[in-house]
């Protein structure tokens, strides 16, 4: 609201200044009046547009989006069923794609990721796992919950950890046991979406070069 009011005020002042300039020059004729009128209208259109572009540029900051390679899920030492590990992995790929946060998504072992600049690697390690029971969930809201707890890390190719989070995914009421893997993947994607990723090294180098040239 403040941006729109500021733009309107600036345009109004410009139009007022032009009209003031025009008053003592009425003898210039209708052509001069038309030129002044067109100039005022052009400024009224330009000022809000320029402010909007400036606002958008400030939000994006020119940051380049990262690409992401999703590694296979490390089951840890909790006795995770292999089907759960595979389900977590596939759901992660699906949920991360929905966010649109990353430029490209790659599966583990995809050679196409080797030459991609600005690549992060997502590592997922299961820390806790409670199998749960669909039958028990159907008759009680206290027992039978399927619970998953994982530690996720975003690392660079060089192995530097840039982010680390602990995320849960549970099925407490109605739903199959594998539903917990979908909930977990959704929570992982939401956690990364809320977090602020660091600037890419190339982008930082360009920014420093630009500052030095100024």
N, C-alpha and C. Protein backbone atom coordinates (compact mmCIF):
# COMPACT_ATOMS: atom_id res chain seq x y z
N UNK A 1 0.83 -1.20 0.00
CA UNK A 1 0.00 0.00 0.00
C UNK A 1 0.86 1.25 0.00
N UNK A 2 1.96 1.29 0.78
CA UNK A 2 2.82 2.45 0.86
C UNK A 2 3.48 2.72 -0.48
N UNK A 3 3.89 1.65 -1.20
CA UNK A 3 4.53 1.82 -2.49
C UNK A 3 3.59 2.45 -3.49
N UNK A 4 2.31 2.00 -3.53
CA UNK A 4 1.33 2.53 -4.46
C UNK A 4 1.04 3.99 -4.16
N UNK A 5 0.90 4.35 -2.85
CA UNK A 5 0.64 5.74 -2.49
C UNK A 5 1.81 6.62 -2.89
N UNK A 6 3.05 6.13 -2.67
CA UNK A 6 4.23 6.91 -3.03
C UNK A 6 4.30 7.15 -4.52
N UNK A 7 3.97 6.11 -5.30
CA UNK A 7 4.01 6.24 -6.75
C UNK A 7 2.96 7.24 -7.22
N UNK A 8 1.75 7.16 -6.68
CA UNK A 8 0.67 8.06 -7.07
C UNK A 8 1.03 9.49 -6.71
N UNK A 9 1.64 9.70 -5.53
CA UNK A 9 2.03 11.04 -5.09
C UNK A 9 3.07 11.62 -6.02
N UNK A 10 4.05 10.78 -6.40
CA UNK A 10 5.10 11.26 -7.31
C UNK A 10 4.53 11.64 -8.65
N UNK A 11 3.59 10.82 -9.16
CA UNK A 11 2.98 11.11 -10.46
C UNK A 11 2.14 12.37 -10.39
N UNK A 12 1.42 12.55 -9.27
CA UNK A 12 0.58 13.74 -9.11
C UNK A 12 1.43 15.00 -9.08
N UNK A 13 2.56 14.95 -8.33
CA UNK A 13 3.45 16.10 -8.27
C UNK A 13 4.00 16.43 -9.64
N UNK A 14 4.33 15.38 -10.41
CA UNK A 14 4.87 15.61 -11.75
C UNK A 14 3.85 16.27 -12.65
N UNK A 15 2.61 15.75 -12.59
CA UNK A 15 1.54 16.32 -13.41
C UNK A 15 1.28 17.76 -13.01
N UNK A 16 1.31 18.06 -11.70
CA UNK A 16 1.06 19.42 -11.21
C UNK A 16 2.14 20.36 -11.71
N UNK A 17 3.40 19.89 -11.67
CA UNK A 17 4.50 20.73 -12.13
C UNK A 17 4.37 21.04 -13.60
N UNK A 18 3.95 20.06 -14.39
CA UNK A 18 3.79 20.27 -15.82
C UNK A 18 2.65 21.24 -16.11
N UNK A 19 1.55 21.08 -15.35
CA UNK A 19 0.42 21.99 -15.57
C UNK A 19 0.78 23.41 -15.18
N UNK A 20 1.60 23.56 -14.12
CA UNK A 20 2.05 24.89 -13.69
C UNK A 20 2.94 25.51 -14.77
N UNK A 21 3.79 24.65 -15.34
CA UNK A 21 4.65 25.15 -16.42
C UNK A 21 3.84 25.59 -17.62
N UNK A 22 2.72 24.92 -17.83
CA UNK A 22 1.94 25.18 -19.04
C UNK A 22 1.19 26.50 -18.95
N UNK A 23 0.76 26.92 -17.75
CA UNK A 23 -0.11 28.09 -17.61
C UNK A 23 0.46 29.36 -18.25
N UNK A 24 1.71 29.70 -17.98
CA UNK A 24 2.21 30.94 -18.59
C UNK A 24 2.60 30.77 -20.06
N UNK A 25 2.40 29.56 -20.59
CA UNK A 25 2.80 29.33 -21.98
C UNK A 25 1.62 28.94 -22.86
N UNK A 26 0.43 29.49 -22.55
CA UNK A 26 -0.75 29.14 -23.33
C UNK A 26 -0.64 29.60 -24.78
N UNK A 27 0.18 30.64 -24.98
CA UNK A 27 0.30 31.17 -26.34
C UNK A 27 1.04 30.19 -27.25
N UNK A 28 1.62 29.13 -26.67
CA UNK A 28 2.36 28.17 -27.49
C UNK A 28 1.44 27.39 -28.41
N UNK A 29 0.16 27.36 -28.12
CA UNK A 29 -0.77 26.72 -29.02
C UNK A 29 -1.13 25.30 -28.63
N UNK A 30 -2.08 24.69 -29.32
CA UNK A 30 -2.57 23.35 -28.98
C UNK A 30 -1.52 22.26 -29.13
N UNK A 31 -0.56 22.41 -30.02
CA UNK A 31 0.46 21.37 -30.21
C UNK A 31 1.33 21.23 -28.97
N UNK A 32 1.74 22.40 -28.43
CA UNK A 32 2.55 22.37 -27.20
C UNK A 32 1.77 21.78 -26.05
N UNK A 33 0.49 22.12 -25.97
CA UNK A 33 -0.35 21.59 -24.89
C UNK A 33 -0.46 20.07 -24.99
N UNK A 34 -0.59 19.58 -26.22
CA UNK A 34 -0.69 18.13 -26.43
C UNK A 34 0.60 17.43 -26.02
N UNK A 35 1.74 18.04 -26.34
CA UNK A 35 3.03 17.45 -25.98
C UNK A 35 3.17 17.37 -24.47
N UNK A 36 2.77 18.45 -23.77
CA UNK A 36 2.85 18.45 -22.32
C UNK A 36 1.94 17.40 -21.71
N UNK A 37 0.74 17.25 -22.28
CA UNK A 37 -0.22 16.27 -21.76
C UNK A 37 0.30 14.86 -21.92
N UNK A 38 0.87 14.55 -23.09
CA UNK A 38 1.42 13.22 -23.32
C UNK A 38 2.59 12.93 -22.39
N UNK A 39 3.40 13.95 -22.13
CA UNK A 39 4.52 13.77 -21.21
C UNK A 39 4.06 13.45 -19.81
N UNK A 40 3.00 14.14 -19.37
CA UNK A 40 2.47 13.88 -18.03
C UNK A 40 1.92 12.47 -17.91
N UNK A 41 1.18 12.02 -18.94
CA UNK A 41 0.62 10.67 -18.91
C UNK A 41 1.72 9.62 -18.91
N UNK A 42 2.77 9.86 -19.67
CA UNK A 42 3.88 8.90 -19.73
C UNK A 42 4.56 8.76 -18.37
N UNK A 43 4.73 9.87 -17.67
CA UNK A 43 5.35 9.83 -16.35
C UNK A 43 4.46 9.14 -15.34
N UNK A 44 3.14 9.35 -15.44
CA UNK A 44 2.21 8.68 -14.53
C UNK A 44 2.28 7.18 -14.68
N UNK A 45 2.48 6.70 -15.92
CA UNK A 45 2.58 5.26 -16.16
C UNK A 45 3.94 4.73 -15.77
N UNK A 46 4.98 5.55 -15.96
CA UNK A 46 6.34 5.07 -15.73
C UNK A 46 6.68 4.94 -14.25
N UNK A 47 6.25 5.88 -13.44
CA UNK A 47 6.65 5.88 -12.03
C UNK A 47 6.20 4.63 -11.30
N UNK A 48 4.89 4.22 -11.36
CA UNK A 48 4.50 2.98 -10.68
C UNK A 48 5.23 1.76 -11.20
N UNK A 49 5.46 1.71 -12.54
CA UNK A 49 6.15 0.56 -13.13
C UNK A 49 7.57 0.46 -12.61
N UNK A 50 8.26 1.59 -12.55
CA UNK A 50 9.64 1.58 -12.07
C UNK A 50 9.73 1.15 -10.62
N UNK A 51 8.79 1.61 -9.80
CA UNK A 51 8.79 1.21 -8.40
C UNK A 51 8.50 -0.27 -8.24
N UNK A 52 7.59 -0.80 -9.04
CA UNK A 52 7.25 -2.22 -8.96
C UNK A 52 8.45 -3.07 -9.34
N UNK A 53 9.18 -2.67 -10.39
CA UNK A 53 10.35 -3.43 -10.81
C UNK A 53 11.43 -3.38 -9.74
N UNK A 54 11.58 -2.22 -9.10
CA UNK A 54 12.57 -2.09 -8.03
C UNK A 54 12.23 -2.98 -6.86
N UNK A 55 10.92 -3.06 -6.53
CA UNK A 55 10.48 -3.90 -5.41
C UNK A 55 10.72 -5.36 -5.70
N UNK A 56 10.42 -5.79 -6.94
CA UNK A 56 10.62 -7.19 -7.32
C UNK A 56 12.09 -7.55 -7.30
N UNK A 57 12.93 -6.64 -7.80
CA UNK A 57 14.36 -6.90 -7.82
C UNK A 57 14.92 -7.03 -6.42
N UNK A 58 14.37 -6.28 -5.47
CA UNK A 58 14.84 -6.36 -4.10
C UNK A 58 14.52 -7.68 -3.46
N UNK A 59 13.35 -8.26 -3.81
CA UNK A 59 12.96 -9.54 -3.22
C UNK A 59 13.79 -10.69 -3.75
N UNK A 60 14.01 -10.69 -5.07
CA UNK A 60 14.74 -11.82 -5.66
C UNK A 60 16.24 -11.70 -5.41
N UNK A 61 16.72 -10.43 -5.43
CA UNK A 61 18.13 -10.20 -5.16
C UNK A 61 19.05 -10.78 -6.22
N UNK A 62 18.49 -11.26 -7.35
CA UNK A 62 19.30 -11.81 -8.41
C UNK A 62 19.94 -13.14 -8.06
N UNK A 63 19.48 -13.81 -7.00
CA UNK A 63 20.08 -15.07 -6.58
C UNK A 63 19.77 -16.18 -7.58
N UNK A 64 20.77 -16.98 -7.88
CA UNK A 64 20.60 -18.10 -8.80
C UNK A 64 20.12 -19.33 -8.02
N UNK A 65 19.08 -20.02 -8.52
CA UNK A 65 18.60 -21.21 -7.80
C UNK A 65 19.59 -22.36 -7.89
N UNK A 66 19.66 -23.13 -6.81
CA UNK A 66 20.50 -24.32 -6.78
C UNK A 66 19.81 -25.47 -7.50
N UNK A 67 20.58 -26.41 -7.96
CA UNK A 67 20.06 -27.72 -8.38
C UNK A 67 20.29 -28.70 -7.23
N UNK A 68 19.54 -29.80 -7.23
CA UNK A 68 19.61 -30.72 -6.10
C UNK A 68 19.68 -32.16 -6.57
N UNK A 69 20.63 -32.89 -5.99
CA UNK A 69 20.71 -34.34 -6.18
C UNK A 69 20.23 -35.01 -4.89
N UNK A 70 19.27 -35.91 -5.01
CA UNK A 70 18.70 -36.59 -3.85
C UNK A 70 19.35 -37.96 -3.70
N UNK A 71 20.13 -38.13 -2.66
CA UNK A 71 20.78 -39.42 -2.42
C UNK A 71 19.78 -40.43 -1.85
N UNK A 72 20.11 -41.70 -2.00
CA UNK A 72 19.30 -42.75 -1.41
C UNK A 72 19.25 -42.61 0.10
N UNK A 73 18.14 -43.04 0.68
CA UNK A 73 17.92 -42.90 2.12
C UNK A 73 18.81 -43.88 2.87
N UNK A 74 19.53 -43.35 3.85
CA UNK A 74 20.35 -44.20 4.73
C UNK A 74 19.43 -44.72 5.85
N UNK A 75 19.21 -46.05 5.92
CA UNK A 75 18.27 -46.58 6.92
C UNK A 75 18.79 -46.54 8.34
N UNK A 76 20.07 -46.21 8.52
CA UNK A 76 20.63 -46.18 9.86
C UNK A 76 20.66 -47.57 10.47
N UNK A 77 20.50 -47.61 11.79
CA UNK A 77 20.52 -48.90 12.49
C UNK A 77 19.20 -49.15 13.23
N UNK A 78 18.09 -48.70 12.61
CA UNK A 78 16.79 -48.81 13.28
C UNK A 78 15.95 -49.97 12.74
N UNK A 79 16.52 -50.75 11.84
CA UNK A 79 15.77 -51.88 11.29
C UNK A 79 14.65 -51.47 10.36
N UNK A 80 14.89 -50.44 9.56
CA UNK A 80 13.86 -49.94 8.64
C UNK A 80 13.60 -50.95 7.53
N UNK A 81 12.34 -51.20 7.27
CA UNK A 81 11.96 -52.08 6.17
C UNK A 81 12.42 -51.45 4.86
N UNK A 82 13.04 -52.24 3.95
CA UNK A 82 13.50 -51.67 2.67
C UNK A 82 12.41 -50.96 1.89
N UNK A 83 11.17 -51.45 1.99
CA UNK A 83 10.07 -50.79 1.26
C UNK A 83 9.84 -49.38 1.79
N UNK A 84 10.09 -49.15 3.07
CA UNK A 84 9.94 -47.83 3.64
C UNK A 84 11.02 -46.89 3.12
N UNK A 85 12.26 -47.40 3.03
CA UNK A 85 13.34 -46.58 2.50
C UNK A 85 13.09 -46.17 1.06
N UNK A 86 12.61 -47.11 0.25
CA UNK A 86 12.31 -46.81 -1.15
C UNK A 86 11.15 -45.82 -1.27
N UNK A 87 10.13 -46.00 -0.41
CA UNK A 87 8.98 -45.10 -0.44
C UNK A 87 9.36 -43.69 -0.03
N UNK A 88 10.21 -43.56 0.99
CA UNK A 88 10.68 -42.24 1.41
C UNK A 88 11.39 -41.55 0.25
N UNK A 89 12.25 -42.28 -0.43
CA UNK A 89 13.04 -41.73 -1.53
C UNK A 89 12.14 -41.22 -2.66
N UNK A 90 11.20 -42.04 -3.10
CA UNK A 90 10.32 -41.64 -4.21
C UNK A 90 9.43 -40.46 -3.80
N UNK A 91 8.95 -40.48 -2.58
CA UNK A 91 8.11 -39.36 -2.12
C UNK A 91 8.91 -38.07 -1.99
N UNK A 92 10.18 -38.18 -1.60
CA UNK A 92 11.03 -36.99 -1.54
C UNK A 92 11.17 -36.34 -2.91
N UNK A 93 11.43 -37.14 -3.92
CA UNK A 93 11.56 -36.60 -5.28
C UNK A 93 10.27 -35.91 -5.72
N UNK A 94 9.15 -36.51 -5.40
CA UNK A 94 7.86 -35.94 -5.80
C UNK A 94 7.56 -34.64 -5.06
N UNK A 95 7.74 -34.63 -3.75
CA UNK A 95 7.41 -33.45 -2.95
C UNK A 95 8.37 -32.30 -3.22
N UNK A 96 9.64 -32.59 -3.41
CA UNK A 96 10.61 -31.53 -3.70
C UNK A 96 10.34 -30.90 -5.06
N UNK A 97 9.89 -31.69 -6.01
CA UNK A 97 9.56 -31.14 -7.33
C UNK A 97 8.38 -30.18 -7.25
N UNK A 98 7.45 -30.45 -6.34
CA UNK A 98 6.27 -29.58 -6.20
C UNK A 98 6.63 -28.18 -5.72
N UNK A 99 7.68 -28.05 -4.92
CA UNK A 99 8.02 -26.75 -4.35
C UNK A 99 8.58 -25.78 -5.38
N UNK A 100 9.22 -26.29 -6.43
CA UNK A 100 9.83 -25.41 -7.42
C UNK A 100 11.02 -24.64 -6.87
N UNK A 101 11.56 -25.07 -5.76
CA UNK A 101 12.67 -24.36 -5.10
C UNK A 101 13.99 -24.55 -5.83
N UNK A 102 14.14 -25.70 -6.49
CA UNK A 102 15.42 -26.04 -7.11
C UNK A 102 15.30 -26.02 -8.63
N UNK A 103 16.39 -25.60 -9.27
CA UNK A 103 16.40 -25.48 -10.72
C UNK A 103 16.21 -26.83 -11.39
N UNK A 104 16.95 -27.84 -10.91
CA UNK A 104 16.84 -29.20 -11.43
C UNK A 104 16.93 -30.19 -10.28
N UNK A 105 16.26 -31.32 -10.44
CA UNK A 105 16.34 -32.40 -9.46
C UNK A 105 16.95 -33.63 -10.13
N UNK A 106 17.89 -34.27 -9.43
CA UNK A 106 18.56 -35.44 -9.97
C UNK A 106 18.46 -36.59 -8.97
N UNK A 107 18.28 -37.79 -9.52
CA UNK A 107 18.34 -38.98 -8.69
C UNK A 107 19.79 -39.32 -8.35
N UNK A 108 19.96 -40.12 -7.34
CA UNK A 108 21.29 -40.56 -6.95
C UNK A 108 21.92 -41.36 -8.09
N UNK A 109 23.16 -41.02 -8.42
CA UNK A 109 23.87 -41.74 -9.48
C UNK A 109 23.62 -41.21 -10.88
N UNK A 110 22.80 -40.17 -11.02
CA UNK A 110 22.52 -39.60 -12.34
C UNK A 110 23.77 -38.85 -12.83
N UNK A 111 24.36 -39.31 -13.92
CA UNK A 111 25.59 -38.71 -14.43
C UNK A 111 25.37 -37.30 -14.96
N UNK A 112 24.14 -36.97 -15.30
CA UNK A 112 23.85 -35.63 -15.80
C UNK A 112 24.13 -34.56 -14.75
N UNK A 113 24.18 -34.97 -13.50
CA UNK A 113 24.42 -34.00 -12.42
C UNK A 113 25.89 -33.64 -12.28
N UNK A 114 26.77 -34.42 -12.93
CA UNK A 114 28.20 -34.22 -12.74
C UNK A 114 28.70 -32.85 -13.19
N UNK A 115 28.13 -32.34 -14.28
CA UNK A 115 28.61 -31.08 -14.85
C UNK A 115 27.68 -29.91 -14.55
N UNK A 116 26.73 -30.10 -13.65
CA UNK A 116 25.79 -29.03 -13.33
C UNK A 116 26.40 -28.10 -12.28
N UNK A 117 26.50 -26.79 -12.58
CA UNK A 117 27.02 -25.86 -11.56
C UNK A 117 25.95 -25.59 -10.50
N UNK A 118 26.39 -25.23 -9.32
CA UNK A 118 25.45 -24.90 -8.26
C UNK A 118 24.63 -26.10 -7.83
N UNK A 119 25.30 -27.19 -7.48
CA UNK A 119 24.60 -28.42 -7.10
C UNK A 119 24.74 -28.68 -5.60
N UNK A 120 23.62 -28.95 -4.96
CA UNK A 120 23.60 -29.41 -3.58
C UNK A 120 23.15 -30.87 -3.55
N UNK A 121 23.55 -31.59 -2.52
CA UNK A 121 23.19 -33.00 -2.36
C UNK A 121 22.39 -33.16 -1.08
N UNK A 122 21.23 -33.79 -1.18
CA UNK A 122 20.39 -34.04 -0.01
C UNK A 122 20.67 -35.43 0.53
N UNK A 123 21.10 -35.48 1.78
CA UNK A 123 21.36 -36.75 2.46
C UNK A 123 20.33 -36.93 3.57
N UNK A 124 19.71 -38.10 3.59
CA UNK A 124 18.66 -38.40 4.56
C UNK A 124 19.03 -39.65 5.34
N UNK A 125 19.09 -39.52 6.66
CA UNK A 125 19.43 -40.64 7.53
C UNK A 125 18.30 -40.87 8.53
N UNK A 126 17.78 -42.10 8.57
CA UNK A 126 16.70 -42.43 9.50
C UNK A 126 17.29 -42.60 10.90
N UNK A 127 16.73 -41.87 11.86
CA UNK A 127 17.21 -41.93 13.24
C UNK A 127 16.28 -42.76 14.14
N UNK A 128 14.97 -42.68 13.87
CA UNK A 128 14.01 -43.43 14.68
C UNK A 128 12.92 -43.96 13.76
N UNK A 129 12.44 -45.14 14.11
CA UNK A 129 11.37 -45.77 13.32
C UNK A 129 10.53 -46.65 14.22
N UNK A 130 9.22 -46.35 14.26
CA UNK A 130 8.26 -47.18 14.98
C UNK A 130 7.28 -47.73 13.95
N UNK A 131 7.25 -49.06 13.72
CA UNK A 131 6.43 -49.63 12.66
C UNK A 131 4.95 -49.28 12.75
N UNK A 132 4.35 -49.37 13.93
CA UNK A 132 2.92 -49.08 14.05
C UNK A 132 2.06 -50.21 13.51
N UNK A 133 0.75 -50.03 13.64
CA UNK A 133 -0.20 -51.06 13.22
C UNK A 133 -1.47 -50.41 12.70
N UNK A 134 -1.84 -50.73 11.45
CA UNK A 134 -3.08 -50.20 10.89
C UNK A 134 -4.29 -50.71 11.67
N UNK A 135 -4.24 -51.96 12.08
CA UNK A 135 -5.37 -52.54 12.81
C UNK A 135 -5.58 -51.85 14.14
N UNK A 136 -4.50 -51.61 14.88
CA UNK A 136 -4.62 -50.95 16.18
C UNK A 136 -5.06 -49.50 16.02
N UNK A 137 -4.63 -48.84 14.93
CA UNK A 137 -5.06 -47.46 14.71
C UNK A 137 -6.55 -47.39 14.42
N UNK A 138 -7.09 -48.47 13.85
CA UNK A 138 -8.51 -48.47 13.49
C UNK A 138 -9.41 -48.53 14.72
N UNK A 139 -8.89 -49.02 15.84
CA UNK A 139 -9.74 -49.18 17.03
C UNK A 139 -9.35 -48.26 18.18
N UNK A 140 -8.23 -47.56 18.06
CA UNK A 140 -7.81 -46.65 19.13
C UNK A 140 -7.02 -45.50 18.54
N UNK A 141 -7.07 -44.35 19.21
CA UNK A 141 -6.30 -43.18 18.77
C UNK A 141 -5.05 -42.99 19.61
N UNK A 142 -4.76 -43.96 20.45
CA UNK A 142 -3.63 -43.85 21.35
C UNK A 142 -2.46 -44.69 20.87
N UNK A 143 -2.73 -45.93 20.46
CA UNK A 143 -1.68 -46.86 20.04
C UNK A 143 -1.71 -47.08 18.54
N UNK A 144 -0.63 -47.65 18.04
CA UNK A 144 -0.58 -48.08 16.64
C UNK A 144 -0.01 -47.07 15.67
N UNK A 145 0.48 -45.94 16.17
CA UNK A 145 1.02 -44.91 15.27
C UNK A 145 2.33 -45.37 14.62
N UNK A 146 2.48 -45.09 13.32
CA UNK A 146 3.73 -45.32 12.63
C UNK A 146 4.53 -44.02 12.66
N UNK A 147 5.77 -44.09 13.13
CA UNK A 147 6.56 -42.88 13.33
C UNK A 147 7.91 -42.99 12.64
N UNK A 148 8.30 -41.89 12.01
CA UNK A 148 9.61 -41.79 11.37
C UNK A 148 10.28 -40.50 11.81
N UNK A 149 11.57 -40.57 12.05
CA UNK A 149 12.35 -39.39 12.39
C UNK A 149 13.66 -39.47 11.62
N UNK A 150 13.97 -38.41 10.87
CA UNK A 150 15.17 -38.44 10.04
C UNK A 150 15.99 -37.17 10.24
N UNK A 151 17.27 -37.29 9.96
CA UNK A 151 18.16 -36.13 9.91
C UNK A 151 18.49 -35.88 8.45
N UNK A 152 18.24 -34.66 7.98
CA UNK A 152 18.54 -34.32 6.59
C UNK A 152 19.68 -33.31 6.57
N UNK A 153 20.52 -33.44 5.56
CA UNK A 153 21.64 -32.51 5.37
C UNK A 153 21.71 -32.09 3.92
N UNK A 154 21.95 -30.81 3.69
CA UNK A 154 22.27 -30.30 2.37
C UNK A 154 23.78 -30.07 2.36
N UNK A 155 24.47 -30.75 1.44
CA UNK A 155 25.93 -30.62 1.38
C UNK A 155 26.35 -30.26 -0.04
N UNK A 156 27.49 -29.63 -0.14
CA UNK A 156 28.06 -29.31 -1.44
C UNK A 156 28.82 -30.52 -1.99
N UNK A 157 29.28 -30.42 -3.21
CA UNK A 157 30.09 -31.50 -3.79
C UNK A 157 31.34 -31.77 -2.96
N UNK A 158 31.85 -30.72 -2.33
CA UNK A 158 33.07 -30.85 -1.54
C UNK A 158 32.79 -31.43 -0.14
N UNK A 159 31.52 -31.68 0.17
CA UNK A 159 31.18 -32.26 1.46
C UNK A 159 30.87 -31.25 2.55
N UNK A 160 30.81 -29.97 2.21
CA UNK A 160 30.51 -28.94 3.21
C UNK A 160 29.00 -28.94 3.51
N UNK A 161 28.64 -29.05 4.77
CA UNK A 161 27.23 -29.04 5.16
C UNK A 161 26.75 -27.60 5.23
N UNK A 162 25.74 -27.27 4.44
CA UNK A 162 25.21 -25.90 4.44
C UNK A 162 23.91 -25.79 5.23
N UNK A 163 23.22 -26.92 5.43
CA UNK A 163 22.02 -26.94 6.26
C UNK A 163 21.84 -28.31 6.86
N UNK A 164 21.22 -28.34 8.05
CA UNK A 164 20.93 -29.61 8.72
C UNK A 164 19.65 -29.45 9.53
N UNK A 165 18.74 -30.42 9.40
CA UNK A 165 17.46 -30.37 10.10
C UNK A 165 17.07 -31.77 10.56
N UNK A 166 16.23 -31.83 11.58
CA UNK A 166 15.60 -33.07 12.01
C UNK A 166 14.12 -32.96 11.72
N UNK A 167 13.57 -33.97 11.03
CA UNK A 167 12.19 -33.90 10.55
C UNK A 167 11.45 -35.18 10.93
N UNK A 168 10.18 -35.04 11.30
CA UNK A 168 9.33 -36.18 11.65
C UNK A 168 8.28 -36.42 10.57
N UNK A 169 7.82 -37.66 10.49
CA UNK A 169 6.70 -38.01 9.63
C UNK A 169 5.95 -39.17 10.24
N UNK A 170 4.69 -38.93 10.63
CA UNK A 170 3.94 -39.95 11.37
C UNK A 170 2.58 -40.22 10.72
N UNK A 171 2.04 -41.39 11.03
CA UNK A 171 0.63 -41.70 10.77
C UNK A 171 0.03 -42.12 12.09
N UNK A 172 -0.84 -41.27 12.63
CA UNK A 172 -1.39 -41.54 13.96
C UNK A 172 -2.81 -42.11 13.90
N UNK A 173 -3.53 -41.80 12.83
CA UNK A 173 -4.93 -42.22 12.78
C UNK A 173 -5.17 -43.09 11.55
N UNK A 174 -6.05 -42.64 10.67
CA UNK A 174 -6.42 -43.44 9.50
C UNK A 174 -5.32 -43.34 8.44
N UNK A 175 -5.01 -44.47 7.82
CA UNK A 175 -4.03 -44.48 6.75
C UNK A 175 -3.07 -45.65 6.89
N UNK A 176 -2.55 -46.12 5.75
CA UNK A 176 -1.61 -47.22 5.76
C UNK A 176 -0.28 -46.79 6.34
N UNK A 177 0.54 -47.77 6.70
CA UNK A 177 1.84 -47.48 7.30
C UNK A 177 2.72 -46.65 6.38
N UNK A 178 2.65 -46.94 5.07
CA UNK A 178 3.49 -46.22 4.13
C UNK A 178 3.07 -44.75 4.00
N UNK A 179 1.89 -44.41 4.51
CA UNK A 179 1.47 -43.01 4.50
C UNK A 179 2.45 -42.14 5.28
N UNK A 180 3.11 -42.73 6.26
CA UNK A 180 4.09 -41.98 7.05
C UNK A 180 5.25 -41.51 6.18
N UNK A 181 5.60 -42.27 5.14
CA UNK A 181 6.70 -41.86 4.27
C UNK A 181 6.32 -40.64 3.45
N UNK A 182 5.04 -40.57 3.04
CA UNK A 182 4.57 -39.40 2.30
C UNK A 182 4.56 -38.16 3.20
N UNK A 183 4.06 -38.33 4.42
CA UNK A 183 4.04 -37.21 5.36
C UNK A 183 5.45 -36.72 5.67
N UNK A 184 6.36 -37.67 5.82
CA UNK A 184 7.75 -37.31 6.08
C UNK A 184 8.33 -36.50 4.93
N UNK A 185 8.15 -36.98 3.71
CA UNK A 185 8.69 -36.29 2.53
C UNK A 185 8.08 -34.90 2.40
N UNK A 186 6.80 -34.79 2.66
CA UNK A 186 6.14 -33.48 2.60
C UNK A 186 6.76 -32.52 3.63
N UNK A 187 7.02 -33.02 4.83
CA UNK A 187 7.61 -32.18 5.88
C UNK A 187 9.04 -31.78 5.54
N UNK A 188 9.78 -32.68 4.92
CA UNK A 188 11.15 -32.36 4.50
C UNK A 188 11.13 -31.23 3.46
N UNK A 189 10.26 -31.37 2.45
CA UNK A 189 10.17 -30.36 1.40
C UNK A 189 9.75 -29.01 1.99
N UNK A 190 8.79 -29.03 2.92
CA UNK A 190 8.32 -27.79 3.54
C UNK A 190 9.42 -27.15 4.38
N UNK A 191 10.21 -27.96 5.07
CA UNK A 191 11.31 -27.44 5.89
C UNK A 191 12.35 -26.75 5.02
N UNK A 192 12.71 -27.36 3.90
CA UNK A 192 13.70 -26.76 3.00
C UNK A 192 13.15 -25.51 2.34
N UNK A 193 11.86 -25.53 2.03
CA UNK A 193 11.24 -24.37 1.38
C UNK A 193 11.25 -23.16 2.31
N UNK A 194 11.08 -23.38 3.61
CA UNK A 194 11.07 -22.27 4.57
C UNK A 194 12.47 -21.75 4.87
N UNK A 195 13.48 -22.55 4.61
CA UNK A 195 14.85 -22.17 4.95
C UNK A 195 15.46 -21.31 3.84
N UNK A 196 16.47 -20.56 4.21
CA UNK A 196 17.17 -19.69 3.25
C UNK A 196 18.48 -20.35 2.84
N UNK A 197 18.59 -20.64 1.57
CA UNK A 197 19.80 -21.28 1.07
C UNK A 197 20.91 -20.25 0.88
N UNK A 198 22.15 -20.64 1.06
CA UNK A 198 23.26 -19.69 0.85
C UNK A 198 23.41 -19.35 -0.62
N UNK A 199 24.05 -18.22 -0.88
CA UNK A 199 24.32 -17.83 -2.26
C UNK A 199 25.36 -18.77 -2.85
N UNK A 200 25.26 -18.99 -4.15
CA UNK A 200 26.23 -19.84 -4.81
C UNK A 200 27.59 -19.15 -4.87
N UNK A 201 28.68 -19.90 -4.78
CA UNK A 201 30.03 -19.29 -4.83
C UNK A 201 30.24 -18.42 -6.06
N UNK A 202 29.75 -18.86 -7.22
CA UNK A 202 29.93 -18.08 -8.45
C UNK A 202 29.20 -16.75 -8.35
N UNK A 203 28.00 -16.78 -7.75
CA UNK A 203 27.23 -15.55 -7.59
C UNK A 203 27.93 -14.59 -6.64
N UNK A 204 28.52 -15.14 -5.58
CA UNK A 204 29.25 -14.29 -4.64
C UNK A 204 30.47 -13.66 -5.31
N UNK A 205 31.16 -14.43 -6.14
CA UNK A 205 32.34 -13.91 -6.82
C UNK A 205 31.94 -12.78 -7.78
N UNK A 206 30.83 -12.95 -8.50
CA UNK A 206 30.36 -11.91 -9.42
C UNK A 206 29.98 -10.65 -8.65
N UNK A 207 29.36 -10.83 -7.49
CA UNK A 207 28.94 -9.69 -6.69
C UNK A 207 30.16 -8.91 -6.18
N UNK A 208 31.17 -9.63 -5.72
CA UNK A 208 32.39 -8.97 -5.25
C UNK A 208 33.11 -8.24 -6.39
N UNK A 209 33.11 -8.85 -7.59
CA UNK A 209 33.72 -8.21 -8.73
C UNK A 209 33.00 -6.92 -9.09
N UNK A 210 31.66 -6.98 -9.02
CA UNK A 210 30.87 -5.78 -9.32
C UNK A 210 31.11 -4.68 -8.31
N UNK A 211 31.24 -5.04 -7.03
CA UNK A 211 31.50 -4.03 -6.00
C UNK A 211 32.86 -3.39 -6.19
N UNK A 212 33.86 -4.19 -6.60
CA UNK A 212 35.19 -3.65 -6.80
C UNK A 212 35.22 -2.71 -7.99
N UNK A 213 34.45 -3.04 -9.06
CA UNK A 213 34.44 -2.18 -10.23
C UNK A 213 33.79 -0.84 -9.95
N UNK A 214 32.86 -0.81 -8.95
CA UNK A 214 32.21 0.46 -8.59
C UNK A 214 33.19 1.36 -7.84
